Amino acid sequence: MPVVREFTLPDLGEGLTGAEVVRWMVEVGEVIAVDQPVVEVETAKAVVEVPCPYGGVVTALFGEPGEEVAVGAPLVTVAVAPGEGEPPLVAEALAAAEVERPLVGYGVAEPDRGGRRRRVGVPAAVPAAAPVTVAAPVAPQAPPAPPAPVVAQAPSAPVVVPVISPLVRRLAREQGVDLASVTGSGPDGLIMRADVERAVAAKVAAPATPAVPAAAAAAAPAAQEGVVPLRGLRRAVAEKLTRSHREIPAATCWVDAEATELMALRRQLNAAPGPKVSVLALLARICTVALARFPELNSSVTEDGSGILRHSAVHLGFAAQGERGLVVPVVRDAQALSTEQLGAELGRLTEAARVGSLTPAELTGGTFTLNNYGVFGVDGSTPILNHPEAAMLGVGRIVAKPWVHRGELAVREVTQLSFTFDHRVCDGGTAGGFLRFVADCVEQPGMLLRQL
């Protein structure tokens, strides 16, 4: 007899309490292998595929696309063959799909599976405790007919309702649809969600619609504007920024800096053989050196507000635009990387953000953020801190402007630097000293040699 295993949504990252279903990669009745990805979910950090640690026949899926599933809540249930003596239908299906019998832990790699597994009827001998009701499968052999689970409508006239998905049952219950009167369009008459929706539409369309006078129709108010729900990343960003604005007493200072020498240094570096060095990589190197000089800014206030946590490593976050919107990937131990290594890691994470392949680990744990909003063609900003970080450096566009150079008016490349900091971790003198040091390095990048 098969055993129904319930797989719950695992913890997908630091501090995540749930995930939104993006799309199901399997169907009810489908045979899956051990550790086969079954669903794609969107967390506050990234879009990830979730593998199921059980191999067998899928008996239920919990959550429609767009719905949120809490960590620890049921995600799928799978009818697993415990070994010898399982019903022939399950044995045949598992053998055909070449599903391994032993169960392994979550996350074990699996060789390429090729195409989709074929769907089969769900075994009739599912224990009563399973959170699904299944249709009676077609017996593959002549011996005793398998007992078909039924939903009793009346003691004298039991009625078989071929419904597997608990979501379909819930939808029917909420809409007042009698499943016994619905004809299923799925295999063996299985009632699908679309069948219930058609039944609901038929109920709505049944009453005659009274004619509306032309004058009344003209006077009817215009349709309300649509509301876009805050979901996934957008909701996480909204919650985090709201918390930051509410809890952190932030202050901002700024300064204009001439970047002519910095841009000349970049051109000189890129003229040599090897990987190209970006402006962002040079700014990241300046930030790591500045934080070594002003370590109080590489910190965060404890959750209860009773202390300041100093971070020994610089995990440098930077703003990047991707398919899911603005994200903040994190370069781990940035202080230990060379400028060339920083450039390579920044480039890798930027590309991952662009295609939406960043992992939750690559989007968490930052201690300081570099925000190059100059790529959007703007000069200045007063950014909200990336909670729980204590500081963020913003860099505007680098553009040619009139500038007094060596006592004379000249056209030079200029940028605006803005620095937002948590006033609890330092006073204005420390913040001003940090910003002035960064500006001096932008104007005279040779100063970095004294710090390296």
Protein backbone atom coordinates (compact mmCIF):
# COMPACT_ATOMS: atom_id res chain seq x y z
CA MET A 1 0.00 0.00 0.00
CA PRO A 2 1.46 3.40 -0.94
CA VAL A 3 2.15 5.94 1.77
CA VAL A 4 1.20 9.57 1.23
CA ARG A 5 4.07 11.87 2.11
CA GLU A 6 3.48 15.55 2.74
CA PHE A 7 6.22 17.94 1.63
CA THR A 8 6.09 21.36 3.26
CA LEU A 9 7.68 24.57 2.02
CA PRO A 10 11.23 24.65 3.40
CA ASP A 11 13.07 27.70 4.73
CA LEU A 12 14.50 29.28 1.56
CA GLY A 13 16.64 31.98 3.10
CA GLU A 14 17.45 34.27 5.99
CA GLY A 15 14.35 35.56 7.70
CA LEU A 16 11.92 34.47 4.98
CA THR A 17 8.52 33.41 6.26
CA GLY A 18 6.82 32.44 3.02
CA ALA A 19 6.92 32.40 -0.76
CA GLU A 20 4.51 33.13 -3.58
CA VAL A 21 3.71 30.38 -6.07
CA VAL A 22 4.82 31.47 -9.54
CA ARG A 23 4.07 28.30 -11.49
CA TRP A 24 3.68 24.59 -10.87
CA MET A 25 6.14 22.39 -12.72
CA VAL A 26 4.14 19.18 -12.17
CA GLU A 27 0.48 18.17 -12.20
CA VAL A 28 -1.70 16.05 -9.96
CA GLY A 29 -1.38 12.44 -11.08
CA GLU A 30 2.11 12.95 -12.48
CA VAL A 31 4.96 10.61 -11.51
CA ILE A 32 7.96 12.49 -10.14
CA ALA A 33 11.49 11.46 -9.26
CA VAL A 34 13.33 12.07 -6.01
CA ASP A 35 14.44 15.71 -5.76
CA GLN A 36 12.63 16.74 -8.93
CA PRO A 37 11.70 20.46 -8.96
CA VAL A 38 7.94 20.68 -8.51
CA VAL A 39 7.24 24.41 -8.19
CA GLU A 40 8.77 27.76 -8.91
CA VAL A 41 8.25 30.27 -6.10
CA GLU A 42 9.09 33.91 -5.61
CA THR A 43 10.43 34.99 -2.26
CA ALA A 44 11.31 38.45 -1.10
CA LYS A 45 14.79 37.70 -2.38
CA ALA A 46 14.62 35.70 -5.60
CA VAL A 47 12.68 33.30 -7.84
CA VAL A 48 13.74 29.73 -7.06
CA GLU A 49 12.76 26.19 -8.02
CA VAL A 50 11.83 23.94 -5.10
CA PRO A 51 12.63 20.20 -5.41
CA CYS A 52 10.57 17.54 -3.64
CA PRO A 53 12.51 14.94 -1.63
CA TYR A 54 9.96 12.20 -2.41
CA GLY A 55 9.51 10.14 -5.55
CA GLY A 56 6.09 8.82 -6.49
CA VAL A 57 2.69 10.02 -7.73
CA VAL A 58 1.62 13.61 -7.01
CA THR A 59 -1.73 13.54 -5.21
CA ALA A 60 -2.25 17.22 -4.35
CA LEU A 61 -0.82 20.67 -5.00
CA PHE A 62 -1.37 23.41 -2.42
CA GLY A 63 -1.62 26.96 -3.70
CA GLU A 64 -2.57 28.57 -6.97
CA PRO A 65 -0.12 30.83 -8.88
CA GLY A 66 -0.13 34.18 -7.12
CA GLU A 67 -1.00 32.70 -3.72
CA GLU A 68 1.47 32.81 -0.84
CA VAL A 69 2.49 29.66 1.03
CA ALA A 70 3.99 29.99 4.50
CA VAL A 71 7.23 28.24 5.42
CA GLY A 72 6.27 24.91 6.96
CA ALA A 73 2.86 24.80 5.27
CA PRO A 74 1.96 21.89 2.92
CA LEU A 75 3.26 22.32 -0.62
CA VAL A 76 2.61 18.93 -2.29
CA THR A 77 1.63 15.44 -1.26
CA VAL A 78 3.11 12.39 -2.96
CA ALA A 79 1.98 8.74 -2.90
CA VAL A 80 5.22 6.88 -2.24
CA ALA A 81 5.66 3.13 -2.70
CA PRO A 82 7.18 1.78 0.55
CA GLY A 83 8.70 -1.28 -1.16
CA GLU A 84 7.26 -4.64 -1.98
CA GLY A 85 3.52 -5.18 -2.11
CA GLU A 86 2.44 -1.76 -3.40
CA PRO A 87 -0.61 -1.67 -5.67
CA PRO A 88 0.22 -2.74 -9.25
CA LEU A 89 -0.75 0.65 -10.65
CA VAL A 90 1.80 2.48 -8.52
CA ALA A 91 4.45 -0.18 -9.11
CA GLU A 92 3.91 0.05 -12.86
CA ALA A 93 4.01 3.83 -12.84
CA LEU A 94 7.13 4.02 -10.72
CA ALA A 95 8.89 1.44 -12.85
CA ALA A 96 7.95 3.22 -16.05
CA ALA A 97 9.23 6.53 -14.70
CA GLU A 98 12.38 4.92 -13.28
CA VAL A 99 11.80 6.51 -9.91
CA GLU A 100 14.31 5.61 -7.20
CA ARG A 101 12.79 4.02 -4.09
CA PRO A 102 15.04 5.42 -1.30
CA LEU A 103 14.21 8.88 -0.03
CA VAL A 104 17.01 11.39 0.27
CA GLY A 105 17.29 14.78 1.88
CA TYR A 106 16.10 18.05 0.39
CA GLY A 107 18.37 19.51 -2.22
CA VAL A 108 20.28 16.45 -3.49
CA ALA A 109 21.26 16.82 -7.13
CA GLU A 110 19.61 14.63 -9.75
CA PRO A 111 20.75 13.76 -13.29
CA ASP A 112 18.97 15.25 -16.26
CA ARG A 113 15.48 13.80 -16.53
CA GLY A 114 14.77 14.72 -20.13
CA GLY A 115 11.07 15.34 -20.70
CA ARG A 116 8.02 15.42 -18.48
CA ARG A 117 6.86 12.33 -16.58
CA ARG A 118 3.68 10.74 -17.80
CA ARG A 119 0.56 11.27 -15.73
CA VAL A 120 -1.16 8.32 -14.13
CA GLY A 121 -4.26 7.81 -12.06
CA VAL A 122 -3.72 8.38 -8.35
CA PRO A 123 -3.85 5.09 -6.37
CA ALA A 124 -7.19 4.40 -4.79
CA ALA A 125 -5.61 3.13 -1.57
CA VAL A 126 -4.60 6.57 -0.31
CA PRO A 127 -4.91 6.66 3.50
CA ALA A 128 -7.90 8.48 4.87
CA ALA A 129 -5.62 11.01 6.60
CA ALA A 130 -4.37 12.36 3.29
CA PRO A 131 -5.59 15.92 2.58
CA VAL A 132 -6.98 14.92 -0.82
CA THR A 133 -9.89 12.94 -2.24
CA VAL A 134 -9.06 11.04 -5.39
CA ALA A 135 -11.01 9.41 -8.19
CA ALA A 136 -11.01 5.63 -8.53
CA PRO A 137 -8.28 4.63 -11.00
CA VAL A 138 -8.84 2.16 -13.80
CA ALA A 139 -7.56 -1.18 -12.47
CA PRO A 140 -4.71 -2.52 -14.65
CA GLN A 141 -5.49 -6.15 -13.75
CA ALA A 142 -8.65 -8.21 -13.50
CA PRO A 143 -8.47 -9.36 -9.83
CA PRO A 144 -10.43 -7.68 -7.14
CA ALA A 145 -11.79 -4.32 -8.22
CA PRO A 146 -10.16 -1.48 -6.25
CA PRO A 147 -12.50 0.24 -3.83
CA ALA A 148 -13.42 3.65 -5.21
CA PRO A 149 -13.44 6.50 -2.67
CA VAL A 150 -16.78 8.22 -2.63
CA VAL A 151 -18.34 11.33 -1.26
CA ALA A 152 -21.65 10.31 0.26
CA GLN A 153 -24.46 12.63 -0.79
CA ALA A 154 -27.12 10.49 0.89
CA PRO A 155 -26.98 7.23 2.83
CA SER A 156 -28.94 5.38 0.15
CA ALA A 157 -27.24 6.83 -2.91
CA PRO A 158 -23.46 7.26 -2.63
CA VAL A 159 -22.05 9.43 -5.41
CA VAL A 160 -18.48 9.33 -6.69
CA VAL A 161 -17.11 12.85 -7.19
CA PRO A 162 -13.87 12.64 -9.19
CA VAL A 163 -11.98 15.55 -7.62
CA ILE A 164 -8.36 15.42 -6.51
CA SER A 165 -7.37 19.04 -5.85
CA PRO A 166 -8.44 20.47 -2.49
CA LEU A 167 -8.32 23.88 -4.16
CA VAL A 168 -11.03 22.81 -6.60
CA ARG A 169 -13.18 21.58 -3.69
CA ARG A 170 -12.66 24.83 -1.83
CA LEU A 171 -13.56 26.90 -4.90
CA ALA A 172 -16.73 24.86 -5.38
CA ARG A 173 -17.67 25.22 -1.72
CA GLU A 174 -17.09 28.99 -1.73
CA GLN A 175 -19.10 29.45 -4.94
CA GLY A 176 -21.91 27.10 -3.93
CA VAL A 177 -21.32 24.65 -6.78
CA ASP A 178 -22.54 21.07 -6.35
CA LEU A 179 -19.62 18.96 -7.60
CA ALA A 180 -21.93 16.01 -8.22
CA SER A 181 -23.58 18.04 -10.98
CA VAL A 182 -20.31 19.04 -12.67
CA THR A 183 -18.91 17.08 -15.62
CA GLY A 184 -15.14 16.85 -15.43
CA SER A 185 -12.96 17.57 -18.44
CA GLY A 186 -9.85 15.87 -17.05
CA PRO A 187 -8.67 12.28 -17.47
CA ASP A 188 -11.34 9.76 -16.51
CA GLY A 189 -13.80 12.60 -15.91
CA LEU A 190 -11.57 14.34 -13.31
CA ILE A 191 -13.10 17.67 -12.28
CA MET A 192 -10.65 20.52 -12.88
CA ARG A 193 -10.68 24.12 -11.70
CA ALA A 194 -11.83 25.26 -15.14
CA ASP A 195 -14.90 22.99 -14.87
CA VAL A 196 -15.93 24.66 -11.59
CA GLU A 197 -15.32 28.12 -13.04
CA ARG A 198 -17.57 27.29 -16.02
CA ALA A 199 -20.27 26.12 -13.61
CA VAL A 200 -19.97 29.40 -11.69
CA ALA A 201 -20.19 31.40 -14.93
CA ALA A 202 -23.29 29.46 -15.93
CA LYS A 203 -24.95 30.27 -12.59
CA VAL A 204 -24.17 33.96 -13.00
CA ALA A 205 -25.43 34.07 -16.57
CA ALA A 206 -28.66 32.19 -15.77
CA PRO A 207 -30.80 35.09 -14.47
CA ALA A 208 -32.10 37.40 -17.15
CA THR A 209 -30.24 40.69 -17.18
CA PRO A 210 -32.68 43.61 -17.01
CA ALA A 211 -32.37 46.15 -19.75
CA VAL A 212 -30.63 49.36 -18.71
CA PRO A 213 -31.99 52.56 -20.20
CA ALA A 214 -29.54 54.45 -22.37
CA ALA A 215 -29.73 57.51 -20.11
CA ALA A 216 -28.93 55.44 -17.04
CA ALA A 217 -26.04 53.76 -18.84
CA ALA A 218 -24.63 57.14 -19.81
CA ALA A 219 -24.88 58.33 -16.21
CA ALA A 220 -23.16 55.22 -14.81
CA PRO A 221 -19.83 55.99 -13.12
CA ALA A 222 -16.63 55.07 -14.90
CA ALA A 223 -14.88 51.86 -13.94
CA GLN A 224 -12.63 52.14 -10.93
CA GLU A 225 -8.89 52.29 -11.49
CA GLY A 226 -7.08 49.00 -11.07
CA VAL A 227 -5.19 48.14 -7.90
CA VAL A 228 -1.83 46.41 -8.28
CA PRO A 229 -1.23 44.16 -5.25
CA LEU A 230 2.07 44.37 -3.43
CA ARG A 231 3.56 40.91 -3.82
CA GLY A 232 6.89 39.16 -3.69
CA LEU A 233 9.88 41.44 -4.10
CA ARG A 234 7.82 44.63 -4.35
CA ARG A 235 6.10 43.92 -1.04
CA ALA A 236 9.39 42.99 0.64
CA VAL A 237 10.98 46.23 -0.57
CA ALA A 238 7.99 48.24 0.64
CA GLU A 239 8.08 46.63 4.08
CA LYS A 240 11.83 47.02 4.45
CA LEU A 241 11.89 50.67 3.38
CA THR A 242 8.92 51.49 5.59
CA ARG A 243 10.65 49.89 8.55
CA SER A 244 13.88 51.73 7.77
CA HIS A 245 12.12 55.08 7.50
CA ARG A 246 10.21 54.43 10.73
CA GLU A 247 13.03 53.07 12.89
CA ILE A 248 16.28 54.69 11.72
CA PRO A 249 17.04 58.37 12.43
CA ALA A 250 18.80 58.92 9.12
CA ALA A 251 20.64 62.04 7.98
CA THR A 252 22.14 62.91 4.60
CA CYS A 253 25.12 65.02 3.57
CA TRP A 254 26.50 65.55 0.08
CA VAL A 255 29.35 67.10 -1.86
CA ASP A 256 30.31 67.73 -5.49
CA ALA A 257 33.52 66.02 -6.55
CA GLU A 258 35.60 66.31 -9.68
CA ALA A 259 36.01 62.87 -11.23
CA THR A 260 38.29 63.79 -14.14
CA GLU A 261 41.33 62.02 -12.68
CA LEU A 262 39.28 58.97 -11.72
CA MET A 263 38.01 58.60 -15.28
CA ALA A 264 41.54 59.07 -16.61
CA LEU A 265 42.75 56.30 -14.27
CA ARG A 266 40.02 54.00 -15.56
CA ARG A 267 41.02 54.63 -19.17
CA GLN A 268 44.63 53.92 -18.26
CA LEU A 269 43.76 50.64 -16.53
CA ASN A 270 41.55 49.50 -19.40
CA ALA A 271 44.28 50.23 -21.96
CA ALA A 272 46.30 47.38 -20.48
CA PRO A 273 45.56 43.70 -21.32
CA GLY A 274 43.09 41.95 -19.07
CA PRO A 275 39.52 42.40 -17.84
CA LYS A 276 38.03 45.89 -18.05
CA VAL A 277 37.58 47.88 -14.86
CA SER A 278 34.24 49.61 -14.37
CA VAL A 279 33.58 52.89 -12.60
CA LEU A 280 31.50 50.92 -10.10
CA ALA A 281 34.52 48.72 -9.29
CA LEU A 282 36.67 51.79 -8.61
CA LEU A 283 33.97 53.28 -6.39
CA ALA A 284 33.63 49.94 -4.55
CA ARG A 285 37.39 49.92 -3.91
CA ILE A 286 37.20 53.48 -2.57
CA CYS A 287 34.32 52.46 -0.26
CA THR A 288 36.22 49.51 1.24
CA VAL A 289 39.24 51.70 1.94
CA ALA A 290 37.04 54.43 3.47
CA LEU A 291 35.26 51.92 5.70
CA ALA A 292 38.61 50.66 6.97
CA ARG A 293 39.34 54.26 7.96
CA PHE A 294 35.86 54.81 9.46
CA PRO A 295 34.81 51.35 10.75
CA GLU A 296 31.89 52.70 12.79
CA LEU A 297 29.98 53.09 9.52
CA ASN A 298 30.28 49.37 8.71
CA SER A 299 27.86 48.49 11.48
CA SER A 300 24.22 48.09 12.45
CA VAL A 301 22.10 48.71 15.52
CA THR A 302 20.92 45.58 17.34
CA GLU A 303 17.27 44.53 17.07
CA ASP A 304 16.40 45.81 20.54
CA GLY A 305 18.30 49.06 20.00
CA SER A 306 20.56 48.47 22.97
CA GLY A 307 23.87 48.28 21.12
CA ILE A 308 25.84 48.75 17.93
CA LEU A 309 27.13 45.69 16.11
CA ARG A 310 30.48 46.31 14.40
CA HIS A 311 31.11 44.12 11.36
CA SER A 312 34.63 42.85 10.77
CA ALA A 313 34.04 42.19 7.04
CA VAL A 314 32.61 44.49 4.39
CA HIS A 315 29.74 42.75 2.62
CA LEU A 316 29.14 45.38 -0.03
CA GLY A 317 25.64 45.68 -1.44
CA PHE A 318 25.01 47.60 -4.64
CA ALA A 319 21.82 48.58 -6.39
CA ALA A 320 21.13 46.70 -9.64
CA GLN A 321 18.14 46.80 -11.98
CA GLY A 322 16.74 43.42 -12.99
CA GLU A 323 13.64 41.74 -14.36
CA ARG A 324 12.03 41.81 -10.91
CA GLY A 325 12.85 45.47 -10.34
CA LEU A 326 15.57 47.03 -8.22
CA VAL A 327 17.55 44.50 -6.17
CA VAL A 328 20.66 44.76 -3.99
CA PRO A 329 23.14 41.92 -4.61
CA VAL A 330 25.95 41.56 -2.07
CA VAL A 331 29.67 41.17 -2.72
CA ARG A 332 31.00 39.06 0.17
CA ASP A 333 34.24 40.12 1.88
CA ALA A 334 34.74 42.98 -0.55
CA GLN A 335 37.65 44.32 1.49
CA ALA A 336 39.68 41.21 0.62
CA LEU A 337 39.24 41.50 -3.15
CA SER A 338 41.47 43.34 -5.60
CA THR A 339 39.96 45.99 -7.86
CA GLU A 340 39.96 43.51 -10.73
CA GLN A 341 38.28 40.85 -8.58
CA LEU A 342 35.72 43.38 -7.41
CA GLY A 343 34.93 44.23 -11.01
CA ALA A 344 34.49 40.57 -11.93
CA GLU A 345 32.15 39.88 -9.00
CA LEU A 346 30.14 43.05 -9.61
CA GLY A 347 29.77 42.08 -13.26
CA ARG A 348 28.66 38.53 -12.39
CA LEU A 349 26.05 39.70 -9.89
CA THR A 350 24.79 42.44 -12.22
CA GLU A 351 24.21 39.90 -14.99
CA ALA A 352 22.48 37.54 -12.55
CA ALA A 353 20.21 40.42 -11.47
CA ARG A 354 19.42 41.23 -15.10
CA VAL A 355 18.24 37.69 -15.89
CA GLY A 356 16.62 37.13 -12.47
CA SER A 357 18.87 34.26 -11.35
CA LEU A 358 20.16 35.72 -8.07
CA THR A 359 19.89 33.34 -5.12
CA PRO A 360 18.56 34.39 -1.69
CA ALA A 361 22.10 34.10 -0.29
CA GLU A 362 23.34 36.63 -2.85
CA LEU A 363 20.70 39.14 -1.76
CA THR A 364 21.16 39.05 2.01
CA GLY A 365 23.76 39.88 4.64
CA GLY A 366 24.98 43.25 3.36
CA THR A 367 26.73 45.63 5.76
CA PHE A 368 27.06 48.72 3.51
CA THR A 369 25.40 49.74 0.25
CA LEU A 370 26.76 51.58 -2.78
CA ASN A 371 24.01 53.13 -4.89
CA ASN A 372 25.09 54.32 -8.35
CA TYR A 373 21.90 56.10 -9.36
CA GLY A 374 23.87 58.08 -11.92
CA VAL A 375 23.10 55.32 -14.43
CA PHE A 376 19.53 56.70 -14.45
CA GLY A 377 20.81 60.11 -15.55
CA VAL A 378 20.19 61.90 -12.25
CA ASP A 379 22.59 63.99 -10.19
CA GLY A 380 21.50 63.55 -6.59
CA SER A 381 19.34 61.61 -4.18
CA THR A 382 18.57 61.16 -0.49
CA PRO A 383 18.29 57.37 -0.33
CA ILE A 384 16.53 55.43 2.40
CA LEU A 385 18.92 53.12 4.23
CA ASN A 386 18.86 49.40 3.48
CA HIS A 387 17.73 48.19 6.92
CA PRO A 388 19.54 47.17 9.14
CA GLU A 389 22.62 48.77 7.56
CA ALA A 390 23.86 52.06 8.99
CA ALA A 391 25.13 53.81 5.88
CA MET A 392 24.77 54.16 2.11
CA LEU A 393 26.84 56.07 -0.44
CA GLY A 394 25.01 57.45 -3.46
CA VAL A 395 26.79 58.48 -6.67
CA GLY A 396 25.20 60.70 -9.30
CA ARG A 397 26.00 60.85 -12.99
CA ILE A 398 29.50 61.91 -14.03
CA VAL A 399 29.01 64.78 -16.42
CA ALA A 400 31.09 67.62 -17.91
CA LYS A 401 30.54 70.89 -16.03
CA PRO A 402 32.24 74.25 -15.55
CA TRP A 403 34.71 73.84 -12.67
CA VAL A 404 37.44 75.94 -11.12
CA HIS A 405 40.63 73.96 -11.73
CA ARG A 406 43.99 75.31 -10.53
CA GLY A 407 42.52 78.76 -10.19
CA GLU A 408 40.97 78.88 -13.64
CA LEU A 409 37.54 78.07 -15.00
CA ALA A 410 37.60 74.83 -16.99
CA VAL A 411 35.30 72.08 -18.19
CA ARG A 412 35.81 69.07 -15.93
CA GLU A 413 33.99 65.81 -15.23
CA VAL A 414 31.97 66.24 -12.04
CA THR A 415 29.75 64.03 -9.91
CA GLN A 416 27.66 64.54 -6.81
CA LEU A 417 28.23 62.20 -3.85
CA SER A 418 25.51 61.82 -1.23
CA PHE A 419 25.91 59.96 2.02
CA THR A 420 23.01 58.79 4.22
CA PHE A 421 23.83 57.42 7.66
CA ASP A 422 22.19 56.20 10.85
CA HIS A 423 22.72 59.02 13.34
CA ARG A 424 22.73 56.49 16.18
CA VAL A 425 26.05 54.94 15.10
CA CYS A 426 27.98 58.17 14.61
CA ASP A 427 27.82 61.96 14.61
CA GLY A 428 28.09 64.33 11.69
CA GLY A 429 31.86 64.64 12.08
CA THR A 430 32.40 60.95 11.32
CA ALA A 431 29.94 60.97 8.42
CA GLY A 432 31.47 64.16 7.01
CA GLY A 433 34.96 62.72 7.36
CA PHE A 434 33.94 59.56 5.49
CA LEU A 435 32.33 61.51 2.66
CA ARG A 436 35.23 63.93 2.36
CA PHE A 437 37.70 61.03 2.18
CA VAL A 438 35.64 59.39 -0.59
CA ALA A 439 35.48 62.68 -2.50
CA ASP A 440 39.24 63.17 -2.17
CA CYS A 441 39.84 59.67 -3.55
CA VAL A 442 37.53 60.40 -6.48
CA GLU A 443 39.38 63.64 -7.19
CA GLN A 444 42.86 62.23 -6.53
CA PRO A 445 42.70 58.44 -6.91
CA GLY A 446 46.44 58.18 -6.28
CA MET A 447 45.59 58.67 -2.58
CA LEU A 448 44.42 55.08 -2.53
CA LEU A 449 48.03 53.91 -2.80
CA ARG A 450 48.68 55.29 0.67
CA GLN A 451 45.88 53.13 2.07
CA LEU A 452 46.65 49.81 0.29
